Amino acid sequence: MFEPSRNEHAGCLSQFGDASAAVSYCAALKQLWEEHSPLRRQMEQMEENANQLREVADAKLGSAFQELVNKEKRFHQELEVHSAKEEDGLFPMMGRYIGTETGPIAVMEYEHSEAKRNLAEFEAAVDRIGNSIGKETVDEVVAPLLKACSILFDHFRKEEHVLFPMAERILTDTEKEELRQIVC
């Protein structure tokens, strides 16, 4: 069983459980948790690259922007795989116990939707401008990408501090095995 450190849950107050308590996760929840780290690192790199575009010399702006676009494409593909595991497995299973119309599952699904919408908005802006990125358009073009990252940083924290501990407590061993088959 995967056991995140106690400090990873410290300070998170939730009406849905004691997230400060150490939790041992089943294989499926461990897998979902561990997928966050590489996604988080990619988001950090994209944020850094997006913010550096303002400082890049005009002659190098196009190549620096293309590097960001390539990182976003890879990230978006990996995020879709991760999100599908939650949307097809974890969320419906949790929804049986806590509902899906309001509460944590509704919030998680909304945040998935908003992050994906912002990534699509960034990709549409990239398609519109092609290779003609200029200093005057950098902020406008990268804004949705930065918004998606912001949403997802917060989203991952909520899953790690609230949803995953709750899932470990309420899902049956049979459900955890079903989830493992979807996730792993």
N, C-alpha and C. Protein backbone atom coordinates (compact mmCIF):
# COMPACT_ATOMS: atom_id res chain seq x y z
N MET A 1 0.84 -1.19 0.00
CA MET A 1 0.00 0.00 0.00
C MET A 1 0.88 1.25 0.00
N PHE A 2 0.49 2.22 -0.75
CA PHE A 2 1.18 3.50 -0.86
C PHE A 2 0.80 4.37 0.33
N GLU A 3 1.78 4.98 0.96
CA GLU A 3 1.51 5.84 2.11
C GLU A 3 2.18 7.18 1.93
N PRO A 4 1.42 8.21 1.52
CA PRO A 4 2.02 9.54 1.44
C PRO A 4 2.40 10.00 2.84
N SER A 5 3.38 10.87 2.91
CA SER A 5 3.80 11.34 4.23
C SER A 5 2.69 12.13 4.89
N ARG A 6 2.72 12.15 6.20
CA ARG A 6 1.73 12.89 6.98
C ARG A 6 1.74 14.37 6.59
N ASN A 7 2.91 14.92 6.29
CA ASN A 7 3.01 16.34 5.95
C ASN A 7 2.28 16.68 4.66
N GLU A 8 2.15 15.72 3.76
CA GLU A 8 1.46 16.00 2.50
C GLU A 8 -0.02 16.28 2.73
N HIS A 9 -0.55 15.85 3.87
CA HIS A 9 -1.95 16.08 4.17
C HIS A 9 -2.14 17.15 5.25
N ALA A 10 -1.08 17.60 5.86
CA ALA A 10 -1.20 18.52 6.98
C ALA A 10 -1.83 19.84 6.55
N GLY A 11 -2.64 20.38 7.41
CA GLY A 11 -3.19 21.70 7.21
C GLY A 11 -4.39 21.76 6.29
N CYS A 12 -4.81 20.69 5.73
CA CYS A 12 -5.96 20.70 4.84
C CYS A 12 -7.21 20.40 5.64
N LEU A 13 -8.07 21.36 5.72
CA LEU A 13 -9.32 21.17 6.47
C LEU A 13 -10.41 20.80 5.49
N SER A 14 -11.17 19.79 5.83
CA SER A 14 -12.24 19.36 4.94
C SER A 14 -13.39 18.81 5.74
N GLN A 15 -14.58 19.12 5.30
CA GLN A 15 -15.76 18.56 5.93
C GLN A 15 -15.93 17.09 5.57
N PHE A 16 -15.10 16.61 4.63
CA PHE A 16 -15.26 15.26 4.14
C PHE A 16 -14.33 14.26 4.79
N GLY A 17 -13.57 14.65 5.76
CA GLY A 17 -12.72 13.69 6.43
C GLY A 17 -11.46 14.32 6.97
N ASP A 18 -10.74 13.54 7.73
CA ASP A 18 -9.50 14.01 8.33
C ASP A 18 -8.36 13.76 7.37
N ALA A 19 -8.08 14.74 6.55
CA ALA A 19 -7.04 14.59 5.55
C ALA A 19 -5.65 14.66 6.15
N SER A 20 -5.52 15.01 7.42
CA SER A 20 -4.20 15.07 8.04
C SER A 20 -3.74 13.70 8.51
N ALA A 21 -4.64 12.75 8.57
CA ALA A 21 -4.28 11.41 8.99
C ALA A 21 -3.53 10.70 7.87
N ALA A 22 -2.54 9.89 8.25
CA ALA A 22 -1.81 9.11 7.25
C ALA A 22 -2.77 8.13 6.59
N VAL A 23 -2.65 7.99 5.29
CA VAL A 23 -3.54 7.11 4.53
C VAL A 23 -2.67 6.13 3.74
N SER A 24 -3.05 4.87 3.78
CA SER A 24 -2.42 3.86 2.92
C SER A 24 -3.35 3.64 1.75
N TYR A 25 -2.85 3.86 0.54
CA TYR A 25 -3.70 3.78 -0.63
C TYR A 25 -3.62 2.43 -1.33
N CYS A 26 -4.75 2.03 -1.88
CA CYS A 26 -4.81 0.85 -2.73
C CYS A 26 -4.02 1.15 -4.01
N ALA A 27 -3.79 0.13 -4.82
CA ALA A 27 -2.97 0.27 -6.03
C ALA A 27 -3.52 1.34 -6.99
N ALA A 28 -4.83 1.37 -7.17
CA ALA A 28 -5.42 2.31 -8.13
C ALA A 28 -5.24 3.76 -7.67
N LEU A 29 -5.51 4.03 -6.40
CA LEU A 29 -5.36 5.39 -5.90
C LEU A 29 -3.89 5.80 -5.87
N LYS A 30 -3.03 4.86 -5.56
CA LYS A 30 -1.59 5.11 -5.60
C LYS A 30 -1.18 5.52 -7.01
N GLN A 31 -1.67 4.79 -8.02
CA GLN A 31 -1.35 5.09 -9.41
C GLN A 31 -1.81 6.49 -9.78
N LEU A 32 -3.06 6.84 -9.44
CA LEU A 32 -3.57 8.17 -9.75
C LEU A 32 -2.74 9.24 -9.07
N TRP A 33 -2.41 9.03 -7.80
CA TRP A 33 -1.59 9.98 -7.05
C TRP A 33 -0.24 10.17 -7.73
N GLU A 34 0.40 9.07 -8.09
CA GLU A 34 1.74 9.14 -8.67
C GLU A 34 1.75 9.77 -10.06
N GLU A 35 0.65 9.72 -10.77
CA GLU A 35 0.57 10.37 -12.08
C GLU A 35 0.57 11.89 -11.96
N HIS A 36 0.23 12.41 -10.80
CA HIS A 36 0.21 13.86 -10.61
C HIS A 36 1.61 14.47 -10.69
N SER A 37 2.60 13.81 -10.14
CA SER A 37 3.94 14.42 -10.09
C SER A 37 4.51 14.77 -11.47
N PRO A 38 4.52 13.83 -12.43
CA PRO A 38 5.04 14.23 -13.74
C PRO A 38 4.17 15.27 -14.45
N LEU A 39 2.87 15.20 -14.24
CA LEU A 39 1.99 16.22 -14.82
C LEU A 39 2.27 17.58 -14.19
N ARG A 40 2.46 17.59 -12.89
CA ARG A 40 2.76 18.84 -12.18
C ARG A 40 4.09 19.42 -12.68
N ARG A 41 5.10 18.57 -12.86
CA ARG A 41 6.40 19.06 -13.37
C ARG A 41 6.24 19.66 -14.77
N GLN A 42 5.44 19.02 -15.62
CA GLN A 42 5.20 19.56 -16.95
C GLN A 42 4.52 20.92 -16.87
N MET A 43 3.55 21.05 -15.97
CA MET A 43 2.86 22.34 -15.82
C MET A 43 3.83 23.41 -15.34
N GLU A 44 4.70 23.07 -14.41
CA GLU A 44 5.69 24.03 -13.91
C GLU A 44 6.60 24.49 -15.05
N GLN A 45 7.02 23.55 -15.90
CA GLN A 45 7.87 23.91 -17.04
C GLN A 45 7.12 24.78 -18.04
N MET A 46 5.85 24.46 -18.30
CA MET A 46 5.07 25.27 -19.23
C MET A 46 4.88 26.68 -18.68
N GLU A 47 4.58 26.79 -17.39
CA GLU A 47 4.44 28.12 -16.79
C GLU A 47 5.73 28.92 -16.92
N GLU A 48 6.84 28.26 -16.63
CA GLU A 48 8.13 28.94 -16.73
C GLU A 48 8.39 29.39 -18.16
N ASN A 49 8.17 28.49 -19.12
CA ASN A 49 8.37 28.84 -20.53
C ASN A 49 7.44 29.96 -20.97
N ALA A 50 6.18 29.88 -20.57
CA ALA A 50 5.21 30.92 -20.95
C ALA A 50 5.62 32.27 -20.38
N ASN A 51 6.05 32.30 -19.15
CA ASN A 51 6.45 33.56 -18.53
C ASN A 51 7.75 34.09 -19.12
N GLN A 52 8.64 33.22 -19.58
CA GLN A 52 9.90 33.65 -20.19
C GLN A 52 9.72 34.20 -21.60
N LEU A 53 8.60 33.90 -22.23
CA LEU A 53 8.39 34.40 -23.59
C LEU A 53 8.46 35.92 -23.66
N ARG A 54 8.08 36.58 -22.59
CA ARG A 54 8.13 38.05 -22.57
C ARG A 54 9.56 38.57 -22.65
N GLU A 55 10.52 37.75 -22.19
CA GLU A 55 11.91 38.16 -22.11
C GLU A 55 12.76 37.69 -23.28
N VAL A 56 12.22 36.78 -24.10
CA VAL A 56 12.99 36.21 -25.20
C VAL A 56 13.19 37.26 -26.29
N ALA A 57 14.38 37.26 -26.87
CA ALA A 57 14.66 38.17 -27.98
C ALA A 57 13.72 37.86 -29.14
N ASP A 58 13.33 38.88 -29.85
CA ASP A 58 12.38 38.72 -30.96
C ASP A 58 12.81 37.63 -31.94
N ALA A 59 14.10 37.55 -32.22
CA ALA A 59 14.60 36.56 -33.18
C ALA A 59 14.38 35.13 -32.71
N LYS A 60 14.29 34.94 -31.40
CA LYS A 60 14.13 33.58 -30.85
C LYS A 60 12.71 33.31 -30.35
N LEU A 61 11.85 34.29 -30.46
CA LEU A 61 10.50 34.15 -29.93
C LEU A 61 9.73 33.00 -30.60
N GLY A 62 9.83 32.89 -31.90
CA GLY A 62 9.11 31.84 -32.62
C GLY A 62 9.51 30.45 -32.17
N SER A 63 10.81 30.20 -32.03
CA SER A 63 11.26 28.87 -31.61
C SER A 63 10.92 28.60 -30.15
N ALA A 64 11.03 29.62 -29.30
CA ALA A 64 10.67 29.45 -27.89
C ALA A 64 9.17 29.16 -27.76
N PHE A 65 8.37 29.83 -28.56
CA PHE A 65 6.94 29.61 -28.54
C PHE A 65 6.61 28.20 -29.04
N GLN A 66 7.28 27.77 -30.09
CA GLN A 66 7.04 26.42 -30.62
C GLN A 66 7.41 25.36 -29.59
N GLU A 67 8.43 25.61 -28.81
CA GLU A 67 8.81 24.68 -27.74
C GLU A 67 7.68 24.58 -26.72
N LEU A 68 7.08 25.70 -26.37
CA LEU A 68 5.95 25.71 -25.44
C LEU A 68 4.76 24.95 -26.04
N VAL A 69 4.48 25.17 -27.30
CA VAL A 69 3.37 24.50 -27.97
C VAL A 69 3.59 22.99 -27.95
N ASN A 70 4.81 22.55 -28.21
CA ASN A 70 5.11 21.12 -28.20
C ASN A 70 4.93 20.53 -26.80
N LYS A 71 5.35 21.26 -25.78
CA LYS A 71 5.18 20.79 -24.40
C LYS A 71 3.70 20.68 -24.05
N GLU A 72 2.92 21.67 -24.48
CA GLU A 72 1.48 21.63 -24.19
C GLU A 72 0.81 20.45 -24.86
N LYS A 73 1.18 20.15 -26.09
CA LYS A 73 0.58 19.01 -26.80
C LYS A 73 0.85 17.71 -26.06
N ARG A 74 2.10 17.52 -25.66
CA ARG A 74 2.46 16.29 -24.92
C ARG A 74 1.71 16.24 -23.59
N PHE A 75 1.70 17.36 -22.89
CA PHE A 75 1.01 17.43 -21.61
C PHE A 75 -0.48 17.12 -21.78
N HIS A 76 -1.11 17.72 -22.76
CA HIS A 76 -2.54 17.55 -22.97
C HIS A 76 -2.87 16.08 -23.23
N GLN A 77 -2.06 15.41 -24.01
CA GLN A 77 -2.28 13.98 -24.28
C GLN A 77 -2.18 13.17 -22.99
N GLU A 78 -1.17 13.44 -22.19
CA GLU A 78 -0.99 12.70 -20.93
C GLU A 78 -2.09 13.03 -19.94
N LEU A 79 -2.53 14.28 -19.92
CA LEU A 79 -3.62 14.67 -19.03
C LEU A 79 -4.91 13.96 -19.41
N GLU A 80 -5.17 13.83 -20.71
CA GLU A 80 -6.39 13.13 -21.17
C GLU A 80 -6.42 11.69 -20.68
N VAL A 81 -5.28 11.02 -20.73
CA VAL A 81 -5.21 9.63 -20.26
C VAL A 81 -5.51 9.58 -18.76
N HIS A 82 -4.88 10.47 -18.01
CA HIS A 82 -5.09 10.52 -16.55
C HIS A 82 -6.55 10.87 -16.22
N SER A 83 -7.07 11.88 -16.87
CA SER A 83 -8.44 12.32 -16.60
C SER A 83 -9.46 11.24 -16.91
N ALA A 84 -9.24 10.50 -17.99
CA ALA A 84 -10.18 9.43 -18.36
C ALA A 84 -10.26 8.38 -17.27
N LYS A 85 -9.14 8.09 -16.63
CA LYS A 85 -9.14 7.11 -15.54
C LYS A 85 -10.03 7.58 -14.40
N GLU A 86 -9.97 8.86 -14.11
CA GLU A 86 -10.81 9.40 -13.03
C GLU A 86 -12.26 9.50 -13.47
N GLU A 87 -12.49 10.00 -14.67
CA GLU A 87 -13.85 10.21 -15.16
C GLU A 87 -14.59 8.90 -15.43
N ASP A 88 -13.86 7.87 -15.85
CA ASP A 88 -14.49 6.58 -16.16
C ASP A 88 -14.50 5.62 -14.98
N GLY A 89 -13.66 5.87 -14.01
CA GLY A 89 -13.54 4.94 -12.89
C GLY A 89 -13.83 5.57 -11.54
N LEU A 90 -12.91 6.39 -11.08
CA LEU A 90 -13.00 6.93 -9.71
C LEU A 90 -14.26 7.76 -9.48
N PHE A 91 -14.53 8.71 -10.35
CA PHE A 91 -15.66 9.62 -10.11
C PHE A 91 -17.00 8.88 -10.06
N PRO A 92 -17.31 8.00 -11.02
CA PRO A 92 -18.58 7.28 -10.92
C PRO A 92 -18.68 6.40 -9.67
N MET A 93 -17.58 5.77 -9.30
CA MET A 93 -17.61 4.92 -8.09
C MET A 93 -17.85 5.76 -6.85
N MET A 94 -17.18 6.87 -6.76
CA MET A 94 -17.38 7.77 -5.61
C MET A 94 -18.79 8.35 -5.64
N GLY A 95 -19.27 8.64 -6.83
CA GLY A 95 -20.60 9.21 -6.98
C GLY A 95 -21.71 8.34 -6.42
N ARG A 96 -21.50 7.03 -6.43
CA ARG A 96 -22.50 6.12 -5.84
C ARG A 96 -22.71 6.41 -4.36
N TYR A 97 -21.69 6.89 -3.71
CA TYR A 97 -21.75 7.15 -2.27
C TYR A 97 -22.06 8.60 -1.93
N ILE A 98 -21.49 9.52 -2.70
CA ILE A 98 -21.61 10.93 -2.31
C ILE A 98 -22.33 11.78 -3.34
N GLY A 99 -22.81 11.15 -4.41
CA GLY A 99 -23.55 11.88 -5.44
C GLY A 99 -22.62 12.56 -6.42
N THR A 100 -23.20 13.00 -7.52
CA THR A 100 -22.42 13.66 -8.57
C THR A 100 -22.95 15.03 -8.95
N GLU A 101 -24.13 15.37 -8.47
CA GLU A 101 -24.74 16.64 -8.85
C GLU A 101 -24.16 17.82 -8.10
N THR A 102 -23.78 17.60 -6.86
CA THR A 102 -23.15 18.64 -6.04
C THR A 102 -22.02 17.97 -5.26
N GLY A 103 -21.22 18.75 -4.59
CA GLY A 103 -20.15 18.20 -3.77
C GLY A 103 -18.87 17.94 -4.53
N PRO A 104 -18.00 17.13 -3.94
CA PRO A 104 -16.65 16.95 -4.49
C PRO A 104 -16.60 16.43 -5.92
N ILE A 105 -17.46 15.49 -6.28
CA ILE A 105 -17.40 14.94 -7.64
C ILE A 105 -17.82 15.99 -8.66
N ALA A 106 -18.85 16.74 -8.36
CA ALA A 106 -19.27 17.82 -9.26
C ALA A 106 -18.15 18.84 -9.44
N VAL A 107 -17.46 19.16 -8.37
CA VAL A 107 -16.34 20.11 -8.44
C VAL A 107 -15.20 19.54 -9.28
N MET A 108 -14.86 18.28 -9.04
CA MET A 108 -13.77 17.65 -9.79
C MET A 108 -14.07 17.61 -11.29
N GLU A 109 -15.30 17.25 -11.64
CA GLU A 109 -15.69 17.18 -13.05
C GLU A 109 -15.68 18.58 -13.68
N TYR A 110 -16.15 19.57 -12.94
CA TYR A 110 -16.14 20.95 -13.44
C TYR A 110 -14.71 21.42 -13.69
N GLU A 111 -13.83 21.11 -12.76
CA GLU A 111 -12.43 21.54 -12.93
C GLU A 111 -11.78 20.83 -14.11
N HIS A 112 -12.08 19.55 -14.31
CA HIS A 112 -11.58 18.86 -15.51
C HIS A 112 -12.06 19.60 -16.75
N SER A 113 -13.34 19.91 -16.79
CA SER A 113 -13.93 20.59 -17.93
C SER A 113 -13.29 21.96 -18.18
N GLU A 114 -13.10 22.71 -17.13
CA GLU A 114 -12.52 24.05 -17.26
C GLU A 114 -11.06 23.99 -17.71
N ALA A 115 -10.30 23.06 -17.16
CA ALA A 115 -8.91 22.93 -17.58
C ALA A 115 -8.83 22.56 -19.05
N LYS A 116 -9.64 21.60 -19.46
CA LYS A 116 -9.65 21.17 -20.86
C LYS A 116 -10.12 22.30 -21.78
N ARG A 117 -11.10 23.07 -21.34
CA ARG A 117 -11.59 24.20 -22.14
C ARG A 117 -10.47 25.22 -22.34
N ASN A 118 -9.72 25.50 -21.28
CA ASN A 118 -8.62 26.46 -21.39
C ASN A 118 -7.50 25.94 -22.28
N LEU A 119 -7.20 24.65 -22.19
CA LEU A 119 -6.18 24.08 -23.09
C LEU A 119 -6.64 24.17 -24.54
N ALA A 120 -7.90 23.89 -24.78
CA ALA A 120 -8.46 24.00 -26.13
C ALA A 120 -8.41 25.45 -26.62
N GLU A 121 -8.65 26.39 -25.73
CA GLU A 121 -8.59 27.81 -26.09
C GLU A 121 -7.16 28.20 -26.47
N PHE A 122 -6.18 27.71 -25.72
CA PHE A 122 -4.77 27.96 -26.06
C PHE A 122 -4.47 27.37 -27.43
N GLU A 123 -4.89 26.12 -27.68
CA GLU A 123 -4.62 25.47 -28.95
C GLU A 123 -5.30 26.20 -30.11
N ALA A 124 -6.48 26.72 -29.88
CA ALA A 124 -7.18 27.49 -30.93
C ALA A 124 -6.42 28.78 -31.24
N ALA A 125 -5.89 29.43 -30.20
CA ALA A 125 -5.10 30.64 -30.41
C ALA A 125 -3.83 30.32 -31.20
N VAL A 126 -3.21 29.19 -30.88
CA VAL A 126 -2.02 28.77 -31.62
C VAL A 126 -2.37 28.55 -33.09
N ASP A 127 -3.48 27.89 -33.34
CA ASP A 127 -3.91 27.64 -34.72
C ASP A 127 -4.18 28.96 -35.45
N ARG A 128 -4.77 29.92 -34.74
CA ARG A 128 -5.09 31.22 -35.35
C ARG A 128 -3.84 31.99 -35.74
N ILE A 129 -2.86 32.01 -34.88
CA ILE A 129 -1.69 32.87 -35.13
C ILE A 129 -0.60 32.15 -35.93
N GLY A 130 -0.63 30.83 -35.95
CA GLY A 130 0.41 30.10 -36.67
C GLY A 130 1.78 30.42 -36.10
N ASN A 131 2.68 30.82 -36.95
CA ASN A 131 4.05 31.15 -36.53
C ASN A 131 4.25 32.64 -36.29
N SER A 132 3.18 33.40 -36.28
CA SER A 132 3.32 34.86 -36.19
C SER A 132 3.15 35.39 -34.77
N ILE A 133 3.71 34.71 -33.79
CA ILE A 133 3.65 35.19 -32.41
C ILE A 133 4.51 36.45 -32.30
N GLY A 134 4.00 37.42 -31.61
CA GLY A 134 4.75 38.65 -31.37
C GLY A 134 4.66 39.02 -29.90
N LYS A 135 5.55 39.88 -29.49
CA LYS A 135 5.57 40.30 -28.07
C LYS A 135 4.21 40.84 -27.64
N GLU A 136 3.53 41.51 -28.56
CA GLU A 136 2.24 42.13 -28.22
C GLU A 136 1.13 41.09 -28.05
N THR A 137 1.32 39.87 -28.53
CA THR A 137 0.27 38.86 -28.42
C THR A 137 0.60 37.74 -27.44
N VAL A 138 1.81 37.73 -26.90
CA VAL A 138 2.24 36.65 -26.01
C VAL A 138 1.26 36.47 -24.84
N ASP A 139 1.00 37.54 -24.11
CA ASP A 139 0.15 37.42 -22.92
C ASP A 139 -1.24 36.90 -23.25
N GLU A 140 -1.81 37.40 -24.32
CA GLU A 140 -3.15 36.97 -24.72
C GLU A 140 -3.18 35.49 -25.10
N VAL A 141 -2.16 35.05 -25.82
CA VAL A 141 -2.13 33.67 -26.30
C VAL A 141 -1.89 32.68 -25.17
N VAL A 142 -0.98 33.01 -24.25
CA VAL A 142 -0.63 32.05 -23.20
C VAL A 142 -1.56 32.11 -21.99
N ALA A 143 -2.40 33.12 -21.89
CA ALA A 143 -3.29 33.26 -20.73
C ALA A 143 -4.14 32.01 -20.47
N PRO A 144 -4.78 31.42 -21.47
CA PRO A 144 -5.58 30.22 -21.18
C PRO A 144 -4.73 29.03 -20.72
N LEU A 145 -3.53 28.91 -21.24
CA LEU A 145 -2.64 27.84 -20.80
C LEU A 145 -2.28 28.02 -19.33
N LEU A 146 -1.95 29.24 -18.95
CA LEU A 146 -1.62 29.51 -17.54
C LEU A 146 -2.83 29.30 -16.64
N LYS A 147 -4.01 29.65 -17.12
CA LYS A 147 -5.25 29.42 -16.36
C LYS A 147 -5.48 27.92 -16.17
N ALA A 148 -5.28 27.12 -17.20
CA ALA A 148 -5.44 25.67 -17.09
C ALA A 148 -4.48 25.11 -16.05
N CYS A 149 -3.24 25.57 -16.07
CA CYS A 149 -2.26 25.10 -15.09
C CYS A 149 -2.69 25.46 -13.67
N SER A 150 -3.16 26.67 -13.49
CA SER A 150 -3.61 27.11 -12.18
C SER A 150 -4.75 26.24 -11.67
N ILE A 151 -5.72 25.99 -12.53
CA ILE A 151 -6.85 25.14 -12.17
C ILE A 151 -6.35 23.75 -11.76
N LEU A 152 -5.45 23.20 -12.54
CA LEU A 152 -4.99 21.83 -12.30
C LEU A 152 -4.10 21.70 -11.07
N PHE A 153 -3.29 22.70 -10.77
CA PHE A 153 -2.49 22.66 -9.54
C PHE A 153 -3.43 22.54 -8.34
N ASP A 154 -4.44 23.37 -8.33
CA ASP A 154 -5.42 23.35 -7.23
C ASP A 154 -6.22 22.05 -7.24
N HIS A 155 -6.59 21.59 -8.40
CA HIS A 155 -7.36 20.36 -8.56
C HIS A 155 -6.60 19.15 -8.01
N PHE A 156 -5.33 19.04 -8.36
CA PHE A 156 -4.52 17.92 -7.87
C PHE A 156 -4.43 17.96 -6.35
N ARG A 157 -4.26 19.15 -5.81
CA ARG A 157 -4.19 19.28 -4.34
C ARG A 157 -5.48 18.80 -3.69
N LYS A 158 -6.62 19.16 -4.26
CA LYS A 158 -7.91 18.71 -3.72
C LYS A 158 -8.05 17.19 -3.79
N GLU A 159 -7.63 16.63 -4.90
CA GLU A 159 -7.71 15.18 -5.02
C GLU A 159 -6.82 14.50 -3.98
N GLU A 160 -5.60 14.99 -3.85
CA GLU A 160 -4.64 14.37 -2.94
C GLU A 160 -5.00 14.54 -1.47
N HIS A 161 -5.62 15.65 -1.14
CA HIS A 161 -5.92 15.95 0.26
C HIS A 161 -7.34 15.59 0.68
N VAL A 162 -8.24 15.47 -0.27
CA VAL A 162 -9.63 15.21 0.09
C VAL A 162 -10.17 13.96 -0.61
N LEU A 163 -10.16 13.97 -1.93
CA LEU A 163 -10.85 12.92 -2.67
C LEU A 163 -10.19 11.55 -2.52
N PHE A 164 -8.89 11.47 -2.68
CA PHE A 164 -8.24 10.16 -2.57
C PHE A 164 -8.36 9.57 -1.17
N PRO A 165 -8.12 10.36 -0.11
CA PRO A 165 -8.32 9.78 1.23
C PRO A 165 -9.77 9.31 1.45
N MET A 166 -10.73 10.09 0.94
CA MET A 166 -12.13 9.72 1.08
C MET A 166 -12.41 8.43 0.31
N ALA A 167 -11.87 8.31 -0.89
CA ALA A 167 -12.08 7.11 -1.70
C ALA A 167 -11.50 5.89 -1.02
N GLU A 168 -10.34 6.04 -0.42
CA GLU A 168 -9.72 4.91 0.27
C GLU A 168 -10.60 4.42 1.41
N ARG A 169 -11.27 5.35 2.06
CA ARG A 169 -12.13 4.98 3.19
C ARG A 169 -13.46 4.38 2.76
N ILE A 170 -14.06 4.89 1.69
CA ILE A 170 -15.44 4.48 1.40
C ILE A 170 -15.58 3.39 0.34
N LEU A 171 -14.61 3.25 -0.54
CA LEU A 171 -14.73 2.21 -1.56
C LEU A 171 -14.47 0.83 -0.95
N THR A 172 -15.23 -0.14 -1.41
CA THR A 172 -15.03 -1.51 -0.94
C THR A 172 -13.80 -2.11 -1.61
N ASP A 173 -13.33 -3.23 -1.08
CA ASP A 173 -12.20 -3.91 -1.69
C ASP A 173 -12.52 -4.33 -3.12
N THR A 174 -13.75 -4.75 -3.36
CA THR A 174 -14.17 -5.13 -4.71
C THR A 174 -14.12 -3.93 -5.64
N GLU A 175 -14.61 -2.79 -5.18
CA GLU A 175 -14.58 -1.58 -6.00
C GLU A 175 -13.14 -1.13 -6.26
N LYS A 176 -12.29 -1.26 -5.26
CA LYS A 176 -10.89 -0.89 -5.44
C LYS A 176 -10.23 -1.77 -6.49
N GLU A 177 -10.60 -3.03 -6.52
CA GLU A 177 -10.07 -3.93 -7.54
C GLU A 177 -10.61 -3.56 -8.91
N GLU A 178 -11.89 -3.23 -9.00
CA GLU A 178 -12.46 -2.77 -10.27
C GLU A 178 -11.75 -1.50 -10.75
N LEU A 179 -11.51 -0.59 -9.83
CA LEU A 179 -10.82 0.65 -10.16
C LEU A 179 -9.39 0.36 -10.62
N ARG A 180 -8.73 -0.60 -9.97
CA ARG A 180 -7.37 -0.96 -10.36
C ARG A 180 -7.35 -1.44 -11.81
N GLN A 181 -8.35 -2.17 -12.21
CA GLN A 181 -8.41 -2.68 -13.58
C GLN A 181 -8.59 -1.55 -14.59
N ILE A 182 -9.21 -0.47 -14.20
CA ILE A 182 -9.40 0.69 -15.07
C ILE A 182 -8.14 1.53 -15.10
N VAL A 183 -7.54 1.72 -13.93
CA VAL A 183 -6.45 2.69 -13.76
C VAL A 183 -5.07 2.14 -14.11
N CYS A 184 -4.81 0.92 -13.70
CA CYS A 184 -3.44 0.39 -13.82
C CYS A 184 -3.19 -0.33 -15.12
